[in-house]
Amino acid sequence: MSTRIFDVPTIKGEACVRTISTALRRLPGIMGVQVDIEAKEVCVDLDSALVNEVQVIQTIRELGHEAK
């Protein structure tokens, strides 16, 4: 398991937190998600054998957010 931090500058409030957290937790291999509104970051604990960073970024972008 590894931890990755993604910059998501379009996070604005609790609705964004819920939407992003719910979507990422549905991905296989995601063990934990923490969204920091003030830092505009998403911290993800993931099993890289099941999911990769590109999939996480794509999921966040599909929700209408920028991610890198």
N, C-alpha and C. Protein backbone atom coordinates (compact mmCIF):
# COMPACT_ATOMS: atom_id res chain seq x y z
N MET A 1 0.85 -1.18 0.00
CA MET A 1 0.00 0.00 0.00
C MET A 1 0.89 1.24 0.00
N SER A 2 0.42 2.27 -0.69
CA SER A 2 1.16 3.52 -0.72
C SER A 2 0.18 4.68 -0.59
N THR A 3 0.72 5.82 -0.23
CA THR A 3 -0.08 7.03 -0.08
C THR A 3 0.32 8.03 -1.14
N ARG A 4 -0.67 8.60 -1.81
CA ARG A 4 -0.42 9.60 -2.85
C ARG A 4 -1.24 10.84 -2.54
N ILE A 5 -0.68 11.99 -2.84
CA ILE A 5 -1.39 13.26 -2.64
C ILE A 5 -1.58 13.92 -4.00
N PHE A 6 -2.81 14.31 -4.28
CA PHE A 6 -3.16 14.94 -5.55
C PHE A 6 -3.63 16.37 -5.29
N ASP A 7 -3.15 17.30 -6.10
CA ASP A 7 -3.63 18.69 -6.04
C ASP A 7 -4.93 18.77 -6.80
N VAL A 8 -5.96 19.30 -6.12
CA VAL A 8 -7.28 19.46 -6.74
C VAL A 8 -7.75 20.89 -6.42
N PRO A 9 -7.31 21.86 -7.23
CA PRO A 9 -7.57 23.27 -6.92
C PRO A 9 -9.04 23.69 -7.00
N THR A 10 -9.89 22.83 -7.54
CA THR A 10 -11.31 23.19 -7.69
C THR A 10 -12.17 22.75 -6.52
N ILE A 11 -11.58 22.19 -5.47
CA ILE A 11 -12.36 21.82 -4.29
C ILE A 11 -12.87 23.10 -3.62
N LYS A 12 -14.18 23.14 -3.39
CA LYS A 12 -14.75 24.35 -2.82
C LYS A 12 -15.46 24.15 -1.48
N GLY A 13 -15.97 22.97 -1.21
CA GLY A 13 -16.71 22.79 0.03
C GLY A 13 -17.01 21.34 0.33
N GLU A 14 -17.89 21.13 1.29
CA GLU A 14 -18.21 19.78 1.76
C GLU A 14 -18.84 18.92 0.68
N ALA A 15 -19.60 19.52 -0.23
CA ALA A 15 -20.20 18.74 -1.32
C ALA A 15 -19.10 18.12 -2.18
N CYS A 16 -18.05 18.88 -2.45
CA CYS A 16 -16.91 18.36 -3.22
C CYS A 16 -16.24 17.23 -2.46
N VAL A 17 -16.09 17.40 -1.16
CA VAL A 17 -15.45 16.37 -0.33
C VAL A 17 -16.23 15.07 -0.43
N ARG A 18 -17.55 15.14 -0.27
CA ARG A 18 -18.38 13.94 -0.32
C ARG A 18 -18.33 13.28 -1.69
N THR A 19 -18.46 14.09 -2.74
CA THR A 19 -18.48 13.56 -4.09
C THR A 19 -17.17 12.86 -4.44
N ILE A 20 -16.06 13.52 -4.17
CA ILE A 20 -14.74 12.95 -4.48
C ILE A 20 -14.48 11.70 -3.64
N SER A 21 -14.74 11.79 -2.35
CA SER A 21 -14.51 10.66 -1.45
C SER A 21 -15.31 9.43 -1.87
N THR A 22 -16.58 9.63 -2.15
CA THR A 22 -17.46 8.53 -2.54
C THR A 22 -16.98 7.88 -3.83
N ALA A 23 -16.65 8.68 -4.83
CA ALA A 23 -16.22 8.14 -6.12
C ALA A 23 -14.90 7.37 -5.99
N LEU A 24 -13.96 7.91 -5.25
CA LEU A 24 -12.66 7.25 -5.13
C LEU A 24 -12.76 5.96 -4.32
N ARG A 25 -13.59 5.95 -3.30
CA ARG A 25 -13.73 4.74 -2.48
C ARG A 25 -14.35 3.58 -3.27
N ARG A 26 -15.00 3.88 -4.36
CA ARG A 26 -15.59 2.84 -5.20
C ARG A 26 -14.56 2.14 -6.08
N LEU A 27 -13.39 2.76 -6.24
CA LEU A 27 -12.35 2.14 -7.06
C LEU A 27 -11.72 0.97 -6.31
N PRO A 28 -11.50 -0.15 -7.00
CA PRO A 28 -10.82 -1.27 -6.33
C PRO A 28 -9.39 -0.86 -5.98
N GLY A 29 -8.98 -1.21 -4.78
CA GLY A 29 -7.62 -0.90 -4.36
C GLY A 29 -7.47 0.37 -3.56
N ILE A 30 -8.55 1.15 -3.42
CA ILE A 30 -8.50 2.36 -2.59
C ILE A 30 -8.81 1.97 -1.15
N MET A 31 -7.86 2.22 -0.27
CA MET A 31 -8.00 1.85 1.14
C MET A 31 -8.47 3.00 2.01
N GLY A 32 -8.20 4.23 1.57
CA GLY A 32 -8.60 5.39 2.35
C GLY A 32 -8.50 6.65 1.52
N VAL A 33 -9.36 7.62 1.85
CA VAL A 33 -9.39 8.90 1.14
C VAL A 33 -9.57 10.00 2.17
N GLN A 34 -8.74 11.03 2.07
CA GLN A 34 -8.90 12.22 2.90
C GLN A 34 -8.84 13.43 1.98
N VAL A 35 -9.84 14.29 2.08
CA VAL A 35 -9.91 15.49 1.25
C VAL A 35 -9.72 16.69 2.16
N ASP A 36 -8.74 17.53 1.84
CA ASP A 36 -8.44 18.73 2.61
C ASP A 36 -8.91 19.94 1.81
N ILE A 37 -9.99 20.56 2.27
CA ILE A 37 -10.58 21.70 1.55
C ILE A 37 -9.61 22.87 1.50
N GLU A 38 -9.00 23.21 2.63
CA GLU A 38 -8.12 24.38 2.69
C GLU A 38 -6.86 24.20 1.84
N ALA A 39 -6.26 23.02 1.90
CA ALA A 39 -5.05 22.76 1.11
C ALA A 39 -5.38 22.42 -0.33
N LYS A 40 -6.65 22.12 -0.58
CA LYS A 40 -7.12 21.72 -1.93
C LYS A 40 -6.34 20.50 -2.41
N GLU A 41 -6.29 19.50 -1.50
CA GLU A 41 -5.57 18.26 -1.79
C GLU A 41 -6.43 17.05 -1.45
N VAL A 42 -6.16 15.97 -2.17
CA VAL A 42 -6.79 14.69 -1.90
C VAL A 42 -5.67 13.69 -1.61
N CYS A 43 -5.71 13.10 -0.45
CA CYS A 43 -4.72 12.11 -0.02
C CYS A 43 -5.39 10.73 -0.13
N VAL A 44 -4.75 9.83 -0.86
CA VAL A 44 -5.33 8.52 -1.13
C VAL A 44 -4.36 7.42 -0.73
N ASP A 45 -4.85 6.47 0.07
CA ASP A 45 -4.10 5.25 0.38
C ASP A 45 -4.56 4.21 -0.63
N LEU A 46 -3.60 3.69 -1.41
CA LEU A 46 -4.00 2.77 -2.47
C LEU A 46 -3.08 1.57 -2.59
N ASP A 47 -3.64 0.52 -3.13
CA ASP A 47 -2.89 -0.68 -3.46
C ASP A 47 -2.54 -0.56 -4.93
N SER A 48 -1.28 -0.29 -5.24
CA SER A 48 -0.87 -0.03 -6.62
C SER A 48 -0.98 -1.26 -7.52
N ALA A 49 -1.21 -2.43 -6.95
CA ALA A 49 -1.44 -3.61 -7.77
C ALA A 49 -2.86 -3.60 -8.35
N LEU A 50 -3.75 -2.82 -7.74
CA LEU A 50 -5.15 -2.79 -8.17
C LEU A 50 -5.57 -1.48 -8.84
N VAL A 51 -4.91 -0.39 -8.48
CA VAL A 51 -5.29 0.92 -9.01
C VAL A 51 -4.03 1.77 -9.13
N ASN A 52 -4.01 2.67 -10.12
CA ASN A 52 -2.83 3.53 -10.26
C ASN A 52 -3.23 5.00 -10.21
N GLU A 53 -2.23 5.86 -10.20
CA GLU A 53 -2.47 7.30 -10.07
C GLU A 53 -3.30 7.85 -11.22
N VAL A 54 -3.08 7.33 -12.41
CA VAL A 54 -3.83 7.81 -13.58
C VAL A 54 -5.32 7.55 -13.40
N GLN A 55 -5.68 6.40 -12.87
CA GLN A 55 -7.08 6.08 -12.63
C GLN A 55 -7.70 7.02 -11.60
N VAL A 56 -6.94 7.35 -10.57
CA VAL A 56 -7.43 8.27 -9.55
C VAL A 56 -7.66 9.65 -10.17
N ILE A 57 -6.70 10.14 -10.93
CA ILE A 57 -6.82 11.45 -11.58
C ILE A 57 -8.00 11.45 -12.54
N GLN A 58 -8.16 10.39 -13.33
CA GLN A 58 -9.27 10.32 -14.27
C GLN A 58 -10.61 10.37 -13.55
N THR A 59 -10.71 9.66 -12.44
CA THR A 59 -11.96 9.65 -11.67
C THR A 59 -12.28 11.05 -11.15
N ILE A 60 -11.29 11.74 -10.62
CA ILE A 60 -11.51 13.09 -10.12
C ILE A 60 -11.91 14.03 -11.27
N ARG A 61 -11.26 13.90 -12.40
CA ARG A 61 -11.59 14.74 -13.57
C ARG A 61 -12.98 14.45 -14.11
N GLU A 62 -13.40 13.20 -14.07
CA GLU A 62 -14.75 12.84 -14.52
C GLU A 62 -15.82 13.51 -13.66
N LEU A 63 -15.46 13.88 -12.45
CA LEU A 63 -16.38 14.59 -11.55
C LEU A 63 -16.41 16.08 -11.82
N GLY A 64 -15.58 16.53 -12.77
CA GLY A 64 -15.56 17.94 -13.14
C GLY A 64 -14.50 18.76 -12.41
N HIS A 65 -13.56 18.10 -11.78
CA HIS A 65 -12.50 18.78 -11.05
C HIS A 65 -11.18 18.68 -11.78
N GLU A 66 -10.33 19.66 -11.57
CA GLU A 66 -8.96 19.58 -12.05
C GLU A 66 -8.20 18.71 -11.07
N ALA A 67 -7.23 17.97 -11.56
CA ALA A 67 -6.42 17.13 -10.68
C ALA A 67 -5.06 16.91 -11.28
N LYS A 68 -4.05 16.94 -10.42
CA LYS A 68 -2.69 16.63 -10.86
C LYS A 68 -1.88 16.07 -9.73
